């Protein structure tokens, strides 16, 4: 699975690409949560709350 996203702030753009492995869906919920956690960590690092 490959997920891509773009983030922009103040005229600077960032690309976020996450690749995962695994053909089965038995770990899909855990994998999805990990992706959400990783995305949140990147967003928080790039765009800290004021």
Protein backbone atom coordinates (compact mmCIF):
# COMPACT_ATOMS: atom_id res chain seq x y z
CA UNK A 1 0.00 0.00 0.00
CA UNK A 2 1.25 3.47 -0.77
CA UNK A 3 -0.31 6.57 0.71
CA UNK A 4 0.68 10.04 -0.39
CA UNK A 5 -0.21 13.44 0.89
CA UNK A 6 0.95 16.99 0.47
CA UNK A 7 1.18 19.58 3.19
CA UNK A 8 1.69 23.30 2.63
CA UNK A 9 2.47 26.18 4.93
CA UNK A 10 3.72 29.65 4.18
CA UNK A 11 4.57 28.88 0.58
CA UNK A 12 6.56 25.75 1.43
CA UNK A 13 5.20 22.37 0.36
CA UNK A 14 6.04 18.99 1.87
CA UNK A 15 5.27 15.56 0.49
CA UNK A 16 4.43 12.72 2.83
CA UNK A 17 4.66 9.23 1.35
CA UNK A 18 4.07 6.11 3.42
CA UNK A 19 4.71 2.63 2.04
CA UNK A 20 3.46 -0.45 3.84
CA UNK A 21 3.83 -4.16 3.18
CA UNK A 22 1.34 -6.93 3.76
CA UNK A 23 -1.14 -8.47 1.39
CA UNK A 24 -3.59 -9.72 3.98
CA UNK A 25 -6.10 -7.66 5.88
CA UNK A 26 -5.62 -9.29 9.30
CA UNK A 27 -3.49 -6.40 10.52
CA UNK A 28 -5.31 -3.67 8.61
CA UNK A 29 -6.71 -1.89 11.69
CA UNK A 30 -3.31 -1.80 13.39
CA UNK A 31 -1.61 -0.66 10.18
CA UNK A 32 -4.19 2.09 9.70
CA UNK A 33 -3.68 3.32 13.26
CA UNK A 34 0.09 3.37 12.76
CA UNK A 35 -0.35 5.45 9.60
CA UNK A 36 -2.62 7.90 11.43
CA UNK A 37 -0.12 8.17 14.30
CA UNK A 38 2.78 8.75 11.91
CA UNK A 39 0.83 11.36 9.94
CA UNK A 40 -0.11 13.18 13.15
CA UNK A 41 3.55 13.19 14.29
CA UNK A 42 4.69 14.69 10.97
CA UNK A 43 1.95 17.33 10.99
CA UNK A 44 2.72 18.27 14.59
CA UNK A 45 6.44 18.57 13.81
CA UNK A 46 5.94 20.68 10.67
CA UNK A 47 3.10 22.82 11.98
CA UNK A 48 3.47 23.27 15.74
CA UNK A 49 0.55 24.79 17.60
CA UNK A 50 0.95 28.46 18.33
